[in-house]
Amino acid sequence: MEELQVTLTGMAFRGDAMAQADDQLLFVHGGIPGEEVVVEVVRREQRYAWARVREVITPSSQRVEPPCPYFGRCGGCQWQHIAYPAQLAYKTQLAADQLRRRGGFDDAPVQPALGMEEPWGYRNQARFSVDGQGHLGFMKMWRREFLQIGRCLLMHPVINEVLATLQGRCFVKHQLVVRYGFNTGQLLINPEVPLEDLPFETGQSFYEEALLEQRFRISGPSFFQTNTRTAERIARLVLERLELTGSEVVVDAYCGVGTFGILMAKQAKRVIGIEESASALRDAQHNARDLDNVAFIRGKTEEVLPELSGPVDAVVLDPSRKGCRKKVVDALLRLRPARIVYVSCEPATLARDLRWLTAGGYELVEVQPIDQFPQTYHVECVATLHG
């Protein structure tokens, strides 16, 4: 076991603290910038090395005791050892750093990250690994080994109740998905668990959740945000930044089950949703069944958007971590909507896409980080552009 004593100098994009060790940049799990620590080196490459904290010699004032007994072994959380206000500050910094380094924005209008009142028990979905003995858990951080858990502090209590009920007798293949509607109380548990004495059903094809009092059907394969509370906050923010008056044609790109498009239908003349997933599109059509000004097109946004004819007054973008293809940006520059609101779960690809859009004449008005995943380095951003 190789150990080093180092001083941590910064926070890296993926949530590790950084230090310089000889001619290598060292990424340290469990550290905080400013600390002096003893670390165990886990892996080395030519220019970089990865390590974990073994001993804290000089602790940061931001350090707290992680409440989870699995922290440091489970791969789900990176920042339980950092006080929550400091987590928000680091997320603001990481978003600004990516915009500067990858987007060329030296003074991007990044606002302080919006946090949660209760940064625990927020997840509405769990994807548990299953071993050959019916045990449920997650994978270990440093190697692909199974880690049985009793409960996860990030999950809603109902999900932990399901975990406790099935622990040690869940004989399904590979994984068990549990999804819970915070605002409806509905469960989806897939696949079906072959037990007769369960206090809940399993094998459902869909469940329902409500955002801003609007009910949405969500099928098993369909994507939905894993934090209901911040999903509502993001939806409010998107609606505010669009500044709709009722006369606009709006495109909801990567629309999923129709969340944004349906919520803004009352404020727009017409909404066009674009979605690649057949499951999500069926859900979206069901969810919008009572709205006559919302239509959906199945296909990849990079294939559908270039074929749209104007006018388009506003566009909402909510792509995966890969961000937008260049063809999407080119189509936006041709359509020239007056407002673009971009919801991103990956600051690096957001920075790239914002660089393309501003090079095409758009003004970046605001980037608002939102903490959708407390105790982790992940950060959601809502960027507003005016044409």
Protein backbone atom coordinates (compact mmCIF):
# COMPACT_ATOMS: atom_id res chain seq x y z
CA MET A 1 0.00 0.00 0.00
CA GLU A 2 1.53 3.32 -1.12
CA GLU A 3 0.83 6.28 1.18
CA LEU A 4 1.62 9.96 0.66
CA GLN A 5 1.22 13.08 2.76
CA VAL A 6 -0.13 15.94 0.64
CA THR A 7 -1.81 19.33 0.87
CA LEU A 8 -5.07 19.55 -1.08
CA THR A 9 -5.22 22.62 -3.29
CA GLY A 10 -8.53 22.54 -5.17
CA MET A 11 -11.69 20.68 -6.12
CA ALA A 12 -11.81 18.74 -9.39
CA PHE A 13 -14.80 18.54 -11.72
CA ARG A 14 -15.70 14.98 -10.70
CA GLY A 15 -15.79 15.76 -6.99
CA ASP A 16 -12.29 14.77 -5.87
CA ALA A 17 -9.92 17.14 -4.13
CA MET A 18 -6.62 17.77 -5.93
CA ALA A 19 -2.96 17.74 -4.94
CA GLN A 20 0.36 17.72 -6.74
CA ALA A 21 2.48 14.65 -6.07
CA ASP A 22 5.87 14.91 -7.78
CA ASP A 23 5.05 15.22 -11.49
CA GLN A 24 1.52 13.81 -11.20
CA LEU A 25 -1.83 15.43 -10.50
CA LEU A 26 -3.46 13.50 -7.68
CA PHE A 27 -7.26 13.18 -7.37
CA VAL A 28 -8.23 12.44 -3.77
CA HIS A 29 -11.58 11.04 -2.67
CA GLY A 30 -12.76 12.21 0.74
CA GLY A 31 -10.64 15.36 0.89
CA ILE A 32 -11.42 19.07 1.03
CA PRO A 33 -9.26 21.87 -0.43
CA GLY A 34 -6.91 23.35 2.16
CA GLU A 35 -6.51 20.14 4.15
CA GLU A 36 -3.27 18.32 4.84
CA VAL A 37 -3.93 14.60 4.61
CA VAL A 38 -2.35 11.18 4.33
CA VAL A 39 -3.71 9.33 1.32
CA GLU A 40 -3.57 5.81 -0.04
CA VAL A 41 -2.82 5.68 -3.77
CA VAL A 42 -5.33 3.47 -5.54
CA ARG A 43 -4.31 3.84 -9.18
CA ARG A 44 -1.59 5.52 -11.20
CA GLU A 45 -1.39 6.51 -14.84
CA GLN A 46 1.25 8.52 -16.71
CA ARG A 47 0.03 12.00 -15.75
CA TYR A 48 -2.59 11.33 -13.09
CA ALA A 49 -3.12 9.27 -9.95
CA TRP A 50 -6.15 8.52 -7.78
CA ALA A 51 -6.18 8.14 -4.02
CA ARG A 52 -8.40 8.12 -0.93
CA VAL A 53 -7.92 9.86 2.41
CA ARG A 54 -6.53 7.64 5.15
CA GLU A 55 -5.86 10.32 7.79
CA VAL A 56 -6.73 14.00 8.10
CA ILE A 57 -3.85 15.91 9.66
CA THR A 58 -5.22 19.43 9.27
CA PRO A 59 -9.02 19.34 8.82
CA SER A 60 -11.03 21.95 6.97
CA SER A 61 -13.67 23.93 8.85
CA GLN A 62 -16.05 22.57 6.19
CA ARG A 63 -15.51 18.95 7.26
CA VAL A 64 -18.38 17.07 8.88
CA GLU A 65 -18.84 13.45 9.95
CA PRO A 66 -20.49 11.44 7.13
CA PRO A 67 -23.73 9.98 8.55
CA CYS A 68 -23.79 6.98 6.20
CA PRO A 69 -21.89 3.86 7.33
CA TYR A 70 -21.23 2.95 3.67
CA PHE A 71 -19.63 6.27 2.69
CA GLY A 72 -16.21 5.71 1.15
CA ARG A 73 -17.11 2.19 0.08
CA CYS A 74 -20.35 2.76 -1.86
CA GLY A 75 -19.95 4.57 -5.15
CA GLY A 76 -23.08 6.70 -4.85
CA CYS A 77 -21.91 9.71 -2.81
CA GLN A 78 -18.74 11.79 -2.97
CA TRP A 79 -19.40 14.71 -0.61
CA GLN A 80 -21.03 13.51 2.61
CA HIS A 81 -17.95 14.72 4.47
CA ILE A 82 -18.50 18.33 3.32
CA ALA A 83 -20.94 20.68 5.09
CA TYR A 84 -23.93 21.38 2.87
CA PRO A 85 -23.39 25.16 2.41
CA ALA A 86 -19.86 24.39 1.23
CA GLN A 87 -21.21 21.76 -1.21
CA LEU A 88 -23.35 24.48 -2.81
CA ALA A 89 -20.38 26.83 -3.06
CA TYR A 90 -18.27 24.14 -4.73
CA LYS A 91 -21.06 23.39 -7.22
CA THR A 92 -21.29 27.06 -8.14
CA GLN A 93 -17.53 27.11 -8.60
CA LEU A 94 -17.45 23.92 -10.67
CA ALA A 95 -20.15 25.22 -13.02
CA ALA A 96 -18.27 28.51 -13.50
CA ASP A 97 -14.97 26.66 -14.02
CA GLN A 98 -16.43 24.49 -16.78
CA LEU A 99 -17.95 27.50 -18.52
CA ARG A 100 -14.57 29.23 -18.45
CA ARG A 101 -12.41 26.25 -19.43
CA ARG A 102 -14.66 24.58 -22.00
CA GLY A 103 -16.85 27.46 -23.10
CA GLY A 104 -14.42 30.38 -23.02
CA PHE A 105 -16.70 32.42 -20.72
CA ASP A 106 -14.30 34.35 -18.48
CA ASP A 107 -17.10 36.11 -16.62
CA ALA A 108 -20.17 33.91 -17.10
CA PRO A 109 -23.36 35.08 -15.33
CA VAL A 110 -23.39 32.12 -12.94
CA GLN A 111 -25.68 32.60 -9.95
CA PRO A 112 -25.13 30.96 -6.54
CA ALA A 113 -26.38 27.36 -6.56
CA LEU A 114 -29.88 26.84 -5.19
CA GLY A 115 -29.93 24.16 -2.50
CA MET A 116 -32.51 21.98 -0.79
CA GLU A 117 -34.03 22.64 2.62
CA GLU A 118 -33.57 18.94 3.42
CA PRO A 119 -30.62 17.46 1.48
CA TRP A 120 -31.39 13.85 2.52
CA GLY A 121 -34.13 11.42 1.52
CA TYR A 122 -34.70 13.21 -1.76
CA ARG A 123 -34.35 10.46 -4.37
CA ASN A 124 -37.54 9.05 -5.89
CA GLN A 125 -35.73 6.22 -7.67
CA ALA A 126 -33.29 3.47 -6.73
CA ARG A 127 -31.59 0.96 -8.97
CA PHE A 128 -30.37 -1.80 -6.67
CA SER A 129 -27.90 -4.47 -7.70
CA VAL A 130 -28.90 -8.01 -6.76
CA ASP A 131 -26.45 -10.77 -5.85
CA GLY A 132 -27.06 -14.51 -6.21
CA GLN A 133 -28.45 -14.85 -2.67
CA GLY A 134 -31.31 -12.38 -3.04
CA HIS A 135 -29.48 -9.49 -1.37
CA LEU A 136 -29.87 -5.88 -2.52
CA GLY A 137 -27.15 -3.24 -2.61
CA PHE A 138 -24.90 -1.10 -4.74
CA MET A 139 -21.47 -1.50 -6.29
CA LYS A 140 -18.32 -0.55 -4.42
CA MET A 141 -16.51 2.62 -5.36
CA TRP A 142 -13.08 1.35 -6.33
CA ARG A 143 -13.88 -2.03 -7.83
CA ARG A 144 -16.86 -3.81 -9.34
CA GLU A 145 -17.87 -5.71 -6.23
CA PHE A 146 -21.29 -6.00 -4.63
CA LEU A 147 -21.97 -4.08 -1.40
CA GLN A 148 -25.08 -5.08 0.54
CA ILE A 149 -26.81 -2.15 2.25
CA GLY A 150 -29.47 -1.80 4.93
CA ARG A 151 -30.73 1.61 3.80
CA CYS A 152 -29.67 4.55 1.67
CA LEU A 153 -29.89 8.01 3.23
CA LEU A 154 -30.53 9.61 -0.17
CA MET A 155 -33.70 7.58 -0.82
CA HIS A 156 -37.23 8.43 0.20
CA PRO A 157 -38.20 6.42 3.32
CA VAL A 158 -40.75 4.40 1.31
CA ILE A 159 -37.97 3.12 -0.95
CA ASN A 160 -35.99 2.09 2.12
CA GLU A 161 -39.07 0.24 3.41
CA VAL A 162 -39.19 -1.70 0.13
CA LEU A 163 -35.47 -2.42 0.49
CA ALA A 164 -35.92 -3.77 4.02
CA THR A 165 -38.87 -5.94 3.00
CA LEU A 166 -37.05 -7.53 0.05
CA GLN A 167 -33.56 -7.73 1.51
CA GLY A 168 -32.25 -11.28 1.36
CA ARG A 169 -35.15 -12.70 -0.65
CA CYS A 170 -35.20 -10.76 -3.89
CA PHE A 171 -34.45 -13.46 -6.44
CA VAL A 172 -34.52 -11.47 -9.67
CA LYS A 173 -31.81 -11.10 -12.28
CA HIS A 174 -29.13 -8.44 -11.93
CA GLN A 175 -31.09 -5.34 -10.80
CA LEU A 176 -34.25 -4.15 -9.08
CA VAL A 177 -35.68 -0.70 -9.85
CA VAL A 178 -37.88 1.04 -7.28
CA ARG A 179 -39.59 4.33 -8.20
CA TYR A 180 -41.85 6.35 -5.91
CA GLY A 181 -44.20 9.26 -6.51
CA PHE A 182 -43.50 11.85 -3.79
CA ASN A 183 -46.77 13.63 -4.56
CA THR A 184 -48.94 10.61 -5.38
CA GLY A 185 -47.68 7.82 -3.12
CA GLN A 186 -47.54 5.41 -6.05
CA LEU A 187 -44.84 2.76 -6.45
CA LEU A 188 -43.27 1.10 -9.46
CA ILE A 189 -41.10 -1.94 -8.71
CA ASN A 190 -39.50 -3.80 -11.62
CA PRO A 191 -39.12 -6.59 -12.44
CA GLU A 192 -41.91 -8.53 -10.73
CA VAL A 193 -40.70 -10.18 -7.53
CA PRO A 194 -42.06 -13.76 -7.15
CA LEU A 195 -43.15 -13.51 -3.51
CA GLU A 196 -46.74 -13.84 -2.28
CA ASP A 197 -46.55 -12.16 1.13
CA LEU A 198 -45.49 -8.66 0.05
CA PRO A 199 -47.39 -5.62 1.36
CA PHE A 200 -47.02 -3.94 -2.04
CA GLU A 201 -47.41 -4.89 -5.68
CA THR A 202 -44.48 -5.41 -8.03
CA GLY A 203 -44.10 -5.61 -11.80
CA GLN A 204 -46.15 -2.49 -12.54
CA SER A 205 -45.97 -1.10 -16.09
CA PHE A 206 -46.20 2.52 -14.93
CA TYR A 207 -46.71 4.82 -11.97
CA GLU A 208 -47.81 8.45 -11.67
CA GLU A 209 -46.15 11.52 -10.24
CA ALA A 210 -47.38 15.10 -10.00
CA LEU A 211 -45.35 18.25 -10.65
CA LEU A 212 -46.89 21.66 -9.93
CA GLU A 213 -50.25 19.88 -9.49
CA GLN A 214 -50.04 18.36 -12.99
CA ARG A 215 -50.19 14.56 -13.03
CA PHE A 216 -47.80 12.57 -15.25
CA ARG A 217 -47.83 8.90 -16.18
CA ILE A 218 -44.31 7.43 -16.23
CA SER A 219 -43.74 3.97 -17.68
CA GLY A 220 -40.94 1.68 -16.56
CA PRO A 221 -38.53 2.48 -19.43
CA SER A 222 -39.32 6.24 -19.43
CA PHE A 223 -36.96 8.80 -17.92
CA PHE A 224 -38.12 11.09 -15.13
CA GLN A 225 -36.11 13.34 -12.85
CA THR A 226 -34.97 11.49 -9.73
CA ASN A 227 -35.58 14.45 -7.38
CA THR A 228 -39.22 15.54 -7.39
CA ARG A 229 -38.68 18.62 -5.21
CA THR A 230 -36.01 20.17 -7.40
CA ALA A 231 -37.80 19.04 -10.57
CA GLU A 232 -40.66 21.30 -9.51
CA ARG A 233 -38.21 24.10 -8.83
CA ILE A 234 -36.59 23.67 -12.24
CA ALA A 235 -40.00 23.66 -13.93
CA ARG A 236 -40.94 26.94 -12.24
CA LEU A 237 -37.63 28.47 -13.27
CA VAL A 238 -38.03 27.36 -16.91
CA LEU A 239 -41.51 28.88 -17.06
CA GLU A 240 -40.26 32.13 -15.55
CA ARG A 241 -37.32 32.43 -17.92
CA LEU A 242 -39.45 31.78 -21.02
CA GLU A 243 -41.63 34.83 -20.23
CA LEU A 244 -44.50 33.47 -22.32
CA THR A 245 -47.48 35.70 -23.12
CA GLY A 246 -49.82 33.16 -24.74
CA SER A 247 -48.95 33.96 -28.35
CA GLU A 248 -45.78 31.88 -28.75
CA VAL A 249 -44.92 28.68 -30.55
CA VAL A 250 -42.59 26.74 -28.25
CA VAL A 251 -40.47 23.66 -28.93
CA ASP A 252 -39.81 21.27 -26.06
CA ALA A 253 -36.77 19.32 -27.29
CA TYR A 254 -35.81 16.02 -25.60
CA CYS A 255 -39.25 16.29 -23.98
CA GLY A 256 -39.43 12.92 -22.21
CA VAL A 257 -42.91 12.33 -20.78
CA GLY A 258 -43.87 15.89 -21.73
CA THR A 259 -43.09 17.61 -18.45
CA PHE A 260 -42.06 21.09 -19.59
CA GLY A 261 -44.28 21.20 -22.66
CA ILE A 262 -47.44 20.29 -20.77
CA LEU A 263 -46.69 22.69 -17.92
CA MET A 264 -46.22 25.60 -20.34
CA ALA A 265 -49.18 24.73 -22.58
CA LYS A 266 -51.51 27.14 -20.76
CA GLN A 267 -49.06 29.98 -21.39
CA ALA A 268 -48.29 29.26 -25.06
CA LYS A 269 -50.20 29.28 -28.33
CA ARG A 270 -48.70 25.98 -29.46
CA VAL A 271 -46.20 23.48 -28.04
CA ILE A 272 -44.22 20.97 -30.12
CA GLY A 273 -42.49 18.18 -28.20
CA ILE A 274 -39.65 16.11 -29.66
CA GLU A 275 -38.71 12.76 -28.11
CA GLU A 276 -36.75 9.73 -29.30
CA SER A 277 -37.98 7.16 -26.75
CA ALA A 278 -41.14 5.35 -27.83
CA SER A 279 -42.08 4.67 -24.19
CA ALA A 280 -41.66 8.28 -23.12
CA LEU A 281 -43.55 9.52 -26.18
CA ARG A 282 -46.53 7.28 -25.40
CA ASP A 283 -46.51 8.66 -21.87
CA ALA A 284 -46.29 12.23 -23.17
CA GLN A 285 -49.25 11.70 -25.49
CA HIS A 286 -51.27 10.22 -22.64
CA ASN A 287 -50.30 13.07 -20.31
CA ALA A 288 -51.33 15.69 -22.90
CA ARG A 289 -54.54 13.95 -23.96
CA ASP A 290 -56.73 16.85 -22.79
CA LEU A 291 -54.62 19.58 -24.41
CA ASP A 292 -55.38 20.61 -27.98
CA ASN A 293 -52.36 22.90 -28.42
CA VAL A 294 -49.66 20.27 -27.70
CA ALA A 295 -48.28 17.91 -30.36
CA PHE A 296 -45.40 15.44 -30.24
CA ILE A 297 -42.97 14.21 -32.87
CA ARG A 298 -41.02 11.00 -32.37
CA GLY A 299 -37.38 11.16 -33.40
CA LYS A 300 -33.93 12.36 -32.46
CA THR A 301 -33.84 16.09 -31.88
CA GLU A 302 -30.87 16.42 -34.24
CA GLU A 303 -33.01 14.90 -37.01
CA VAL A 304 -36.39 16.51 -36.27
CA LEU A 305 -35.41 20.08 -35.39
CA PRO A 306 -33.64 20.81 -38.72
CA GLU A 307 -36.85 19.81 -40.53
CA LEU A 308 -39.10 22.19 -38.59
CA SER A 309 -40.28 25.31 -40.33
CA GLY A 310 -40.83 28.51 -38.40
CA PRO A 311 -41.78 30.59 -36.77
CA VAL A 312 -40.54 29.26 -33.42
CA ASP A 313 -40.55 31.79 -30.60
CA ALA A 314 -38.92 29.82 -27.78
CA VAL A 315 -37.13 26.50 -27.24
CA VAL A 316 -36.53 24.40 -24.15
CA LEU A 317 -33.56 22.04 -24.33
CA ASP A 318 -33.17 19.20 -21.83
CA PRO A 319 -30.68 16.74 -23.36
CA SER A 320 -28.81 13.87 -21.74
CA ARG A 321 -25.29 14.34 -20.35
CA LYS A 322 -23.95 14.23 -23.91
CA GLY A 323 -25.55 17.61 -24.59
CA CYS A 324 -26.76 18.73 -28.00
CA ARG A 325 -25.42 17.56 -31.32
CA LYS A 326 -24.00 20.33 -33.53
CA LYS A 327 -26.93 19.82 -35.91
CA VAL A 328 -29.29 20.90 -33.11
CA VAL A 329 -27.37 24.13 -32.59
CA ASP A 330 -27.27 24.80 -36.33
CA ALA A 331 -31.05 24.33 -36.48
CA LEU A 332 -31.54 26.75 -33.60
CA LEU A 333 -29.40 29.35 -35.33
CA ARG A 334 -31.59 28.97 -38.41
CA LEU A 335 -34.91 29.13 -36.53
CA ARG A 336 -33.70 32.02 -34.32
CA PRO A 337 -36.13 31.67 -31.39
CA ALA A 338 -36.11 34.78 -29.22
CA ARG A 339 -35.48 32.73 -26.08
CA ILE A 340 -33.72 29.46 -25.38
CA VAL A 341 -33.82 27.85 -21.94
CA TYR A 342 -31.30 25.03 -21.63
CA VAL A 343 -31.62 22.53 -18.74
CA SER A 344 -28.36 20.63 -18.33
CA CYS A 345 -27.13 17.87 -16.04
CA GLU A 346 -23.54 18.14 -17.35
CA PRO A 347 -21.73 21.51 -17.08
CA ALA A 348 -18.98 20.45 -19.51
CA THR A 349 -21.30 19.78 -22.46
CA LEU A 350 -23.44 22.77 -21.48
CA ALA A 351 -20.35 24.98 -21.77
CA ARG A 352 -19.58 23.60 -25.23
CA ASP A 353 -23.12 24.13 -26.48
CA LEU A 354 -23.36 27.64 -25.02
CA ARG A 355 -20.11 28.51 -26.81
CA TRP A 356 -21.67 27.45 -30.11
CA LEU A 357 -24.88 29.37 -29.46
CA THR A 358 -23.21 32.59 -28.37
CA ALA A 359 -20.85 32.40 -31.35
CA GLY A 360 -24.02 32.34 -33.46
CA GLY A 361 -25.30 35.58 -31.97
CA TYR A 362 -27.15 34.60 -28.78
CA GLU A 363 -26.59 36.40 -25.48
CA LEU A 364 -26.03 34.27 -22.40
CA VAL A 365 -28.21 36.02 -19.81
CA GLU A 366 -27.95 33.69 -16.83
CA VAL A 367 -26.75 30.30 -15.64
CA GLN A 368 -28.53 29.08 -12.52
CA PRO A 369 -27.04 25.98 -10.84
CA ILE A 370 -29.55 23.90 -8.90
CA ASP A 371 -28.55 21.15 -6.50
CA GLN A 372 -30.56 18.19 -7.68
CA PHE A 373 -28.16 15.66 -6.13
CA PRO A 374 -26.98 16.71 -2.63
CA GLN A 375 -24.02 14.78 -1.20
CA THR A 376 -22.65 14.27 -4.73
CA TYR A 377 -20.66 16.45 -7.12
CA HIS A 378 -23.44 16.44 -9.73
CA VAL A 379 -25.11 19.77 -10.47
CA GLU A 380 -28.03 20.74 -12.68
CA CYS A 381 -27.92 24.10 -14.49
CA VAL A 382 -30.63 26.18 -16.16
CA ALA A 383 -29.13 28.54 -18.74
CA THR A 384 -31.12 31.36 -20.35
CA LEU A 385 -30.23 32.82 -23.74
CA HIS A 386 -31.80 35.71 -25.65
CA GLY A 387 -31.60 36.10 -29.40
